[in-house]
Amino acid sequence: MSEFKCIFLDHELDADPALRFYADFFLNYQPSKWQKGGGDGVFSFVSDDGYKAQLCVLESKGLGISVRYNLRAAGEREGVEFYSVGQPEKMNRVEDFGDDQWVPAGSFLAPMKAWLAVEDFFHHPLEKSSRMGWLSSHEICWPDKC
């Protein structure tokens, strides 16, 4: 049986997430709501055949929301990971945006654009959204690798 859950800001684990509950955080974006709740969230899906997908969002006041998509096949130790592309020229500038959350500075999007990824994840969690650009984490110059 498939499983969909969410850990978002300061809310309890949501074992039956409703898309409309999360819409307000993106479509009526207020940094104070995000900062009060820790600034991040993880939407997780496990399919009937064991595929695991995650969509992670990280807010940074003044920059917007960074989105990361992960997908791993059943039984695999490693999957694929992609970051949203907001500013391509900053994708190799990886910084700590709070609590040891290292992400490309160019991965931040306007909240309404980040919402598209969340909306698409709810409808097709085993596919990354086609309504924005993505860059594989293997193509990013991480501080410990470059």
N, C-alpha and C. Protein backbone atom coordinates (compact mmCIF):
# COMPACT_ATOMS: atom_id res chain seq x y z
N MET A 1 0.83 -1.18 0.00
CA MET A 1 0.00 0.00 0.00
C MET A 1 0.88 1.25 0.00
N SER A 2 0.56 2.21 -0.86
CA SER A 2 1.37 3.42 -0.94
C SER A 2 1.17 4.29 0.31
N GLU A 3 2.15 5.15 0.55
CA GLU A 3 2.13 6.00 1.74
C GLU A 3 2.56 7.40 1.35
N PHE A 4 1.81 8.39 1.79
CA PHE A 4 2.12 9.79 1.52
C PHE A 4 2.09 10.51 2.86
N LYS A 5 3.15 11.23 3.20
CA LYS A 5 3.17 11.95 4.46
C LYS A 5 3.99 13.23 4.33
N CYS A 6 3.87 14.07 5.33
CA CYS A 6 4.56 15.35 5.28
C CYS A 6 4.97 15.80 6.67
N ILE A 7 6.17 16.35 6.73
CA ILE A 7 6.64 17.06 7.92
C ILE A 7 6.88 18.48 7.43
N PHE A 8 6.12 19.44 7.96
CA PHE A 8 6.16 20.80 7.43
C PHE A 8 6.19 21.82 8.56
N LEU A 9 7.21 22.67 8.52
CA LEU A 9 7.39 23.72 9.51
C LEU A 9 7.23 23.15 10.91
N ASP A 10 6.40 23.77 11.75
CA ASP A 10 6.27 23.29 13.13
C ASP A 10 5.04 22.42 13.34
N HIS A 11 4.45 21.93 12.26
CA HIS A 11 3.26 21.09 12.35
C HIS A 11 3.65 19.64 12.66
N GLU A 12 2.71 18.92 13.24
CA GLU A 12 2.90 17.50 13.50
C GLU A 12 3.02 16.74 12.18
N LEU A 13 3.55 15.54 12.24
CA LEU A 13 3.60 14.68 11.07
C LEU A 13 2.20 14.54 10.49
N ASP A 14 2.07 14.80 9.21
CA ASP A 14 0.78 14.72 8.53
C ASP A 14 0.78 13.44 7.70
N ALA A 15 0.04 12.43 8.18
CA ALA A 15 0.01 11.12 7.51
C ALA A 15 -1.01 11.07 6.38
N ASP A 16 -1.78 12.12 6.23
CA ASP A 16 -2.77 12.19 5.15
C ASP A 16 -2.85 13.64 4.67
N PRO A 17 -1.76 14.13 4.05
CA PRO A 17 -1.70 15.55 3.69
C PRO A 17 -2.72 15.95 2.63
N ALA A 18 -3.30 17.13 2.83
CA ALA A 18 -4.25 17.71 1.87
C ALA A 18 -3.56 18.88 1.19
N LEU A 19 -3.55 18.87 -0.11
CA LEU A 19 -2.87 19.89 -0.90
C LEU A 19 -3.30 21.30 -0.51
N ARG A 20 -4.58 21.54 -0.33
CA ARG A 20 -5.06 22.89 -0.06
C ARG A 20 -4.53 23.45 1.26
N PHE A 21 -4.22 22.60 2.24
CA PHE A 21 -3.66 23.08 3.51
C PHE A 21 -2.33 23.79 3.27
N TYR A 22 -1.52 23.26 2.38
CA TYR A 22 -0.18 23.80 2.15
C TYR A 22 -0.16 24.98 1.19
N ALA A 23 -1.21 25.13 0.40
CA ALA A 23 -1.25 26.18 -0.62
C ALA A 23 -1.01 27.57 -0.04
N ASP A 24 -1.62 27.88 1.08
CA ASP A 24 -1.53 29.22 1.66
C ASP A 24 -0.09 29.62 1.98
N PHE A 25 0.73 28.67 2.39
CA PHE A 25 2.11 28.98 2.74
C PHE A 25 2.91 29.47 1.54
N PHE A 26 2.51 29.05 0.35
CA PHE A 26 3.20 29.41 -0.88
C PHE A 26 2.50 30.55 -1.61
N LEU A 27 1.19 30.44 -1.78
CA LEU A 27 0.44 31.40 -2.59
C LEU A 27 0.20 32.72 -1.88
N ASN A 28 0.17 32.69 -0.55
CA ASN A 28 0.06 33.91 0.26
C ASN A 28 1.29 34.00 1.15
N TYR A 29 2.43 33.88 0.52
CA TYR A 29 3.73 33.78 1.19
C TYR A 29 3.97 34.89 2.20
N GLN A 30 4.32 34.49 3.41
CA GLN A 30 4.73 35.40 4.47
C GLN A 30 5.95 34.79 5.14
N PRO A 31 7.13 35.40 4.98
CA PRO A 31 8.34 34.84 5.58
C PRO A 31 8.20 34.55 7.07
N SER A 32 7.44 35.37 7.79
CA SER A 32 7.31 35.18 9.23
C SER A 32 6.68 33.83 9.57
N LYS A 33 5.74 33.36 8.76
CA LYS A 33 5.12 32.04 9.00
C LYS A 33 6.15 30.93 8.83
N TRP A 34 7.01 31.09 7.82
CA TRP A 34 8.03 30.08 7.57
C TRP A 34 9.09 30.10 8.66
N GLN A 35 9.53 31.29 9.06
CA GLN A 35 10.58 31.40 10.07
C GLN A 35 10.11 30.90 11.43
N LYS A 36 8.86 31.16 11.74
CA LYS A 36 8.29 30.68 13.00
C LYS A 36 8.33 29.15 13.05
N GLY A 37 8.18 28.53 11.90
CA GLY A 37 8.11 27.08 11.85
C GLY A 37 9.40 26.38 11.47
N GLY A 38 10.51 27.09 11.44
CA GLY A 38 11.79 26.45 11.14
C GLY A 38 12.22 26.58 9.70
N GLY A 39 11.32 26.97 8.81
CA GLY A 39 11.70 27.29 7.44
C GLY A 39 11.79 26.15 6.45
N ASP A 40 11.34 24.95 6.81
CA ASP A 40 11.47 23.87 5.83
C ASP A 40 10.35 22.84 5.96
N GLY A 41 10.30 21.97 4.97
CA GLY A 41 9.31 20.90 4.97
C GLY A 41 9.73 19.78 4.05
N VAL A 42 9.21 18.59 4.31
CA VAL A 42 9.50 17.41 3.49
C VAL A 42 8.20 16.68 3.19
N PHE A 43 7.92 16.51 1.89
CA PHE A 43 6.79 15.72 1.43
C PHE A 43 7.37 14.38 0.98
N SER A 44 6.85 13.27 1.51
CA SER A 44 7.40 11.94 1.21
C SER A 44 6.33 11.02 0.65
N PHE A 45 6.74 10.21 -0.32
CA PHE A 45 5.83 9.24 -0.93
C PHE A 45 6.57 7.93 -1.11
N VAL A 46 5.91 6.82 -0.75
CA VAL A 46 6.42 5.48 -1.02
C VAL A 46 5.34 4.76 -1.82
N SER A 47 5.72 4.28 -3.00
CA SER A 47 4.75 3.62 -3.88
C SER A 47 4.52 2.17 -3.46
N ASP A 48 3.51 1.57 -4.03
CA ASP A 48 3.19 0.17 -3.74
C ASP A 48 4.37 -0.75 -4.06
N ASP A 49 5.14 -0.40 -5.09
CA ASP A 49 6.27 -1.24 -5.47
C ASP A 49 7.60 -0.77 -4.86
N GLY A 50 7.53 0.09 -3.85
CA GLY A 50 8.72 0.43 -3.08
C GLY A 50 9.53 1.62 -3.54
N TYR A 51 9.11 2.31 -4.58
CA TYR A 51 9.82 3.53 -4.98
C TYR A 51 9.60 4.59 -3.91
N LYS A 52 10.66 5.36 -3.61
CA LYS A 52 10.58 6.40 -2.59
C LYS A 52 10.90 7.75 -3.22
N ALA A 53 10.00 8.69 -3.04
CA ALA A 53 10.19 10.04 -3.57
C ALA A 53 10.05 11.04 -2.43
N GLN A 54 10.86 12.10 -2.50
CA GLN A 54 10.77 13.18 -1.53
C GLN A 54 10.85 14.50 -2.25
N LEU A 55 10.07 15.45 -1.77
CA LEU A 55 10.18 16.82 -2.22
C LEU A 55 10.45 17.65 -0.98
N CYS A 56 11.60 18.30 -0.95
CA CYS A 56 12.01 19.09 0.21
C CYS A 56 11.99 20.56 -0.16
N VAL A 57 11.46 21.38 0.73
CA VAL A 57 11.41 22.82 0.51
C VAL A 57 12.12 23.52 1.65
N LEU A 58 12.88 24.56 1.32
CA LEU A 58 13.63 25.33 2.31
C LEU A 58 13.47 26.80 2.00
N GLU A 59 12.95 27.55 2.96
CA GLU A 59 12.73 28.98 2.77
C GLU A 59 13.90 29.79 3.30
N SER A 60 14.24 30.86 2.59
CA SER A 60 15.23 31.81 3.06
C SER A 60 14.69 33.21 2.78
N LYS A 61 14.50 33.97 3.83
CA LYS A 61 13.90 35.31 3.72
C LYS A 61 14.67 36.14 2.70
N GLY A 62 13.95 36.71 1.78
CA GLY A 62 14.55 37.55 0.76
C GLY A 62 14.97 36.80 -0.49
N LEU A 63 15.10 35.48 -0.39
CA LEU A 63 15.51 34.68 -1.55
C LEU A 63 14.36 33.86 -2.12
N GLY A 64 13.47 33.40 -1.25
CA GLY A 64 12.37 32.56 -1.70
C GLY A 64 12.48 31.16 -1.15
N ILE A 65 12.17 30.18 -1.99
CA ILE A 65 12.11 28.78 -1.55
C ILE A 65 12.92 27.89 -2.49
N SER A 66 13.85 27.14 -1.91
CA SER A 66 14.64 26.16 -2.65
C SER A 66 13.87 24.84 -2.61
N VAL A 67 13.89 24.14 -3.75
CA VAL A 67 13.17 22.87 -3.85
C VAL A 67 14.15 21.77 -4.26
N ARG A 68 14.09 20.64 -3.57
CA ARG A 68 14.91 19.48 -3.92
C ARG A 68 13.99 18.29 -4.13
N TYR A 69 14.25 17.54 -5.20
CA TYR A 69 13.47 16.34 -5.50
C TYR A 69 14.39 15.13 -5.50
N ASN A 70 14.00 14.09 -4.76
CA ASN A 70 14.76 12.84 -4.70
C ASN A 70 13.86 11.69 -5.11
N LEU A 71 14.44 10.74 -5.83
CA LEU A 71 13.71 9.52 -6.20
C LEU A 71 14.66 8.34 -6.10
N ARG A 72 14.20 7.29 -5.43
CA ARG A 72 15.01 6.08 -5.27
C ARG A 72 14.15 4.86 -5.56
N ALA A 73 14.67 3.97 -6.37
CA ALA A 73 13.97 2.72 -6.70
C ALA A 73 14.01 1.77 -5.51
N ALA A 74 13.05 0.89 -5.46
CA ALA A 74 12.98 -0.11 -4.39
C ALA A 74 14.27 -0.91 -4.33
N GLY A 75 14.81 -1.07 -3.14
CA GLY A 75 16.01 -1.88 -2.95
C GLY A 75 17.31 -1.18 -3.30
N GLU A 76 17.25 0.01 -3.84
CA GLU A 76 18.47 0.75 -4.20
C GLU A 76 18.93 1.59 -3.02
N ARG A 77 20.24 1.72 -2.87
CA ARG A 77 20.80 2.53 -1.79
C ARG A 77 20.88 3.99 -2.17
N GLU A 78 21.02 4.24 -3.45
CA GLU A 78 21.18 5.61 -3.93
C GLU A 78 20.19 5.85 -5.06
N GLY A 79 19.65 7.05 -5.08
CA GLY A 79 18.71 7.40 -6.13
C GLY A 79 19.22 8.60 -6.90
N VAL A 80 18.28 9.36 -7.43
CA VAL A 80 18.62 10.59 -8.15
C VAL A 80 18.13 11.77 -7.32
N GLU A 81 18.85 12.88 -7.45
CA GLU A 81 18.52 14.08 -6.69
C GLU A 81 18.66 15.29 -7.60
N PHE A 82 17.67 16.17 -7.55
CA PHE A 82 17.66 17.36 -8.38
C PHE A 82 17.30 18.58 -7.53
N TYR A 83 17.88 19.73 -7.91
CA TYR A 83 17.55 21.00 -7.28
C TYR A 83 16.87 21.90 -8.30
N SER A 84 15.89 22.66 -7.83
CA SER A 84 15.23 23.63 -8.68
C SER A 84 16.26 24.68 -9.13
N VAL A 85 16.02 25.24 -10.31
CA VAL A 85 16.93 26.27 -10.84
C VAL A 85 16.18 27.59 -10.92
N GLY A 86 16.60 28.53 -10.09
CA GLY A 86 16.03 29.87 -10.12
C GLY A 86 16.98 30.84 -10.81
N GLN A 87 18.26 30.74 -10.47
CA GLN A 87 19.31 31.58 -11.06
C GLN A 87 20.46 30.65 -11.47
N PRO A 88 20.50 30.26 -12.74
CA PRO A 88 21.50 29.29 -13.19
C PRO A 88 22.94 29.68 -12.85
N GLU A 89 23.25 30.97 -12.91
CA GLU A 89 24.62 31.41 -12.66
C GLU A 89 25.05 31.22 -11.20
N LYS A 90 24.12 30.94 -10.30
CA LYS A 90 24.45 30.75 -8.89
C LYS A 90 24.31 29.30 -8.43
N MET A 91 24.13 28.38 -9.35
CA MET A 91 23.90 26.98 -8.96
C MET A 91 25.15 26.32 -8.37
N ASN A 92 26.32 26.82 -8.67
CA ASN A 92 27.54 26.25 -8.09
C ASN A 92 28.02 27.02 -6.87
N ARG A 93 27.23 27.95 -6.41
CA ARG A 93 27.54 28.66 -5.16
C ARG A 93 26.69 28.02 -4.06
N VAL A 94 27.26 27.05 -3.38
CA VAL A 94 26.55 26.29 -2.35
C VAL A 94 26.83 26.92 -0.99
N GLU A 95 25.76 27.21 -0.26
CA GLU A 95 25.88 27.90 1.02
C GLU A 95 25.00 27.23 2.07
N ASP A 96 25.34 27.49 3.33
CA ASP A 96 24.53 27.02 4.45
C ASP A 96 23.42 28.04 4.68
N PHE A 97 22.20 27.64 4.42
CA PHE A 97 21.07 28.54 4.59
C PHE A 97 20.32 28.25 5.89
N GLY A 98 21.04 27.78 6.88
CA GLY A 98 20.47 27.58 8.21
C GLY A 98 20.47 26.14 8.65
N ASP A 99 20.94 25.92 9.88
CA ASP A 99 20.93 24.58 10.48
C ASP A 99 21.61 23.53 9.61
N ASP A 100 22.75 23.88 9.05
CA ASP A 100 23.52 22.94 8.22
C ASP A 100 22.74 22.46 7.00
N GLN A 101 21.95 23.33 6.42
CA GLN A 101 21.19 23.00 5.22
C GLN A 101 21.89 23.66 4.04
N TRP A 102 22.79 22.92 3.43
CA TRP A 102 23.60 23.41 2.32
C TRP A 102 22.86 23.20 1.01
N VAL A 103 22.60 24.29 0.32
CA VAL A 103 21.90 24.23 -0.96
C VAL A 103 22.51 25.24 -1.92
N PRO A 104 22.34 25.02 -3.21
CA PRO A 104 22.82 26.00 -4.19
C PRO A 104 22.06 27.32 -4.04
N ALA A 105 22.79 28.43 -4.01
CA ALA A 105 22.16 29.75 -3.90
C ALA A 105 21.23 30.01 -5.07
N GLY A 106 21.49 29.41 -6.20
CA GLY A 106 20.66 29.59 -7.38
C GLY A 106 19.40 28.74 -7.41
N SER A 107 19.18 27.94 -6.37
CA SER A 107 18.02 27.05 -6.37
C SER A 107 16.76 27.69 -5.79
N PHE A 108 16.87 28.92 -5.32
CA PHE A 108 15.70 29.57 -4.72
C PHE A 108 14.77 30.13 -5.79
N LEU A 109 13.49 29.90 -5.57
CA LEU A 109 12.44 30.31 -6.50
C LEU A 109 11.46 31.23 -5.79
N ALA A 110 10.70 31.97 -6.57
CA ALA A 110 9.57 32.71 -6.01
C ALA A 110 8.61 31.67 -5.42
N PRO A 111 7.98 31.98 -4.29
CA PRO A 111 7.08 31.00 -3.65
C PRO A 111 6.01 30.44 -4.58
N MET A 112 5.45 31.26 -5.44
CA MET A 112 4.41 30.75 -6.36
C MET A 112 4.98 29.74 -7.34
N LYS A 113 6.23 29.92 -7.74
CA LYS A 113 6.89 28.97 -8.64
C LYS A 113 7.19 27.67 -7.88
N ALA A 114 7.67 27.80 -6.64
CA ALA A 114 7.95 26.61 -5.81
C ALA A 114 6.67 25.81 -5.58
N TRP A 115 5.55 26.51 -5.47
CA TRP A 115 4.27 25.84 -5.26
C TRP A 115 3.96 24.86 -6.39
N LEU A 116 4.36 25.20 -7.61
CA LEU A 116 4.10 24.32 -8.75
C LEU A 116 4.71 22.94 -8.52
N ALA A 117 5.91 22.91 -7.94
CA ALA A 117 6.57 21.63 -7.65
C ALA A 117 5.79 20.84 -6.60
N VAL A 118 5.30 21.53 -5.58
CA VAL A 118 4.52 20.86 -4.53
C VAL A 118 3.22 20.32 -5.13
N GLU A 119 2.55 21.15 -5.88
CA GLU A 119 1.29 20.75 -6.51
C GLU A 119 1.49 19.52 -7.41
N ASP A 120 2.53 19.55 -8.23
CA ASP A 120 2.82 18.42 -9.12
C ASP A 120 3.21 17.17 -8.34
N PHE A 121 3.93 17.35 -7.24
CA PHE A 121 4.33 16.20 -6.42
C PHE A 121 3.09 15.50 -5.85
N PHE A 122 2.11 16.26 -5.43
CA PHE A 122 0.88 15.66 -4.91
C PHE A 122 0.17 14.82 -5.96
N HIS A 123 0.23 15.26 -7.21
CA HIS A 123 -0.47 14.55 -8.29
C HIS A 123 0.35 13.42 -8.91
N HIS A 124 1.66 13.62 -9.03
CA HIS A 124 2.55 12.63 -9.66
C HIS A 124 3.89 12.58 -8.90
N PRO A 125 3.90 11.99 -7.72
CA PRO A 125 5.11 12.04 -6.89
C PRO A 125 6.33 11.31 -7.45
N LEU A 126 6.13 10.41 -8.39
CA LEU A 126 7.28 9.69 -8.94
C LEU A 126 7.89 10.40 -10.14
N GLU A 127 7.45 11.62 -10.40
CA GLU A 127 8.00 12.44 -11.49
C GLU A 127 8.28 13.83 -10.95
N LYS A 128 9.44 14.38 -11.28
CA LYS A 128 9.69 15.77 -10.88
C LYS A 128 8.88 16.69 -11.79
N SER A 129 8.51 17.82 -11.26
CA SER A 129 7.67 18.76 -12.00
C SER A 129 8.35 19.19 -13.30
N SER A 130 7.55 19.28 -14.35
CA SER A 130 8.07 19.76 -15.64
C SER A 130 7.83 21.26 -15.80
N ARG A 131 7.29 21.90 -14.76
CA ARG A 131 6.97 23.32 -14.85
C ARG A 131 8.07 24.23 -14.33
N MET A 132 9.27 23.66 -14.16
CA MET A 132 10.43 24.45 -13.74
C MET A 132 11.69 23.73 -14.17
N GLY A 133 12.79 24.43 -14.11
CA GLY A 133 14.06 23.82 -14.45
C GLY A 133 14.65 23.10 -13.24
N TRP A 134 15.43 22.06 -13.52
CA TRP A 134 16.08 21.27 -12.48
C TRP A 134 17.54 21.03 -12.87
N LEU A 135 18.37 20.81 -11.87
CA LEU A 135 19.76 20.46 -12.10
C LEU A 135 20.10 19.28 -11.19
N SER A 136 20.71 18.25 -11.76
CA SER A 136 21.11 17.09 -10.97
C SER A 136 22.15 17.50 -9.94
N SER A 137 22.07 16.93 -8.77
CA SER A 137 23.05 17.25 -7.72
C SER A 137 24.46 16.84 -8.13
N HIS A 138 24.58 15.90 -9.08
CA HIS A 138 25.90 15.49 -9.56
C HIS A 138 26.57 16.57 -10.41
N GLU A 139 25.78 17.51 -10.90
CA GLU A 139 26.31 18.58 -11.74
C GLU A 139 26.63 19.84 -10.94
N ILE A 140 26.43 19.79 -9.63
CA ILE A 140 26.67 20.94 -8.76
C ILE A 140 28.03 20.79 -8.10
N CYS A 141 28.74 21.90 -8.00
CA CYS A 141 30.08 21.92 -7.40
C CYS A 141 29.95 22.08 -5.88
N TRP A 142 29.85 20.96 -5.18
CA TRP A 142 29.70 20.97 -3.72
C TRP A 142 31.02 21.33 -3.07
N PRO A 143 31.00 22.04 -1.92
CA PRO A 143 32.24 22.50 -1.28
C PRO A 143 33.27 21.41 -1.01
N ASP A 144 32.84 20.22 -0.66
CA ASP A 144 33.79 19.15 -0.35
C ASP A 144 34.25 18.37 -1.58
N LYS A 145 33.75 18.74 -2.77
CA LYS A 145 34.09 17.99 -3.98
C LYS A 145 34.82 18.83 -5.02
N CYS A 146 34.82 20.14 -4.87
CA CYS A 146 35.46 20.99 -5.90
C CYS A 146 36.69 21.68 -5.36
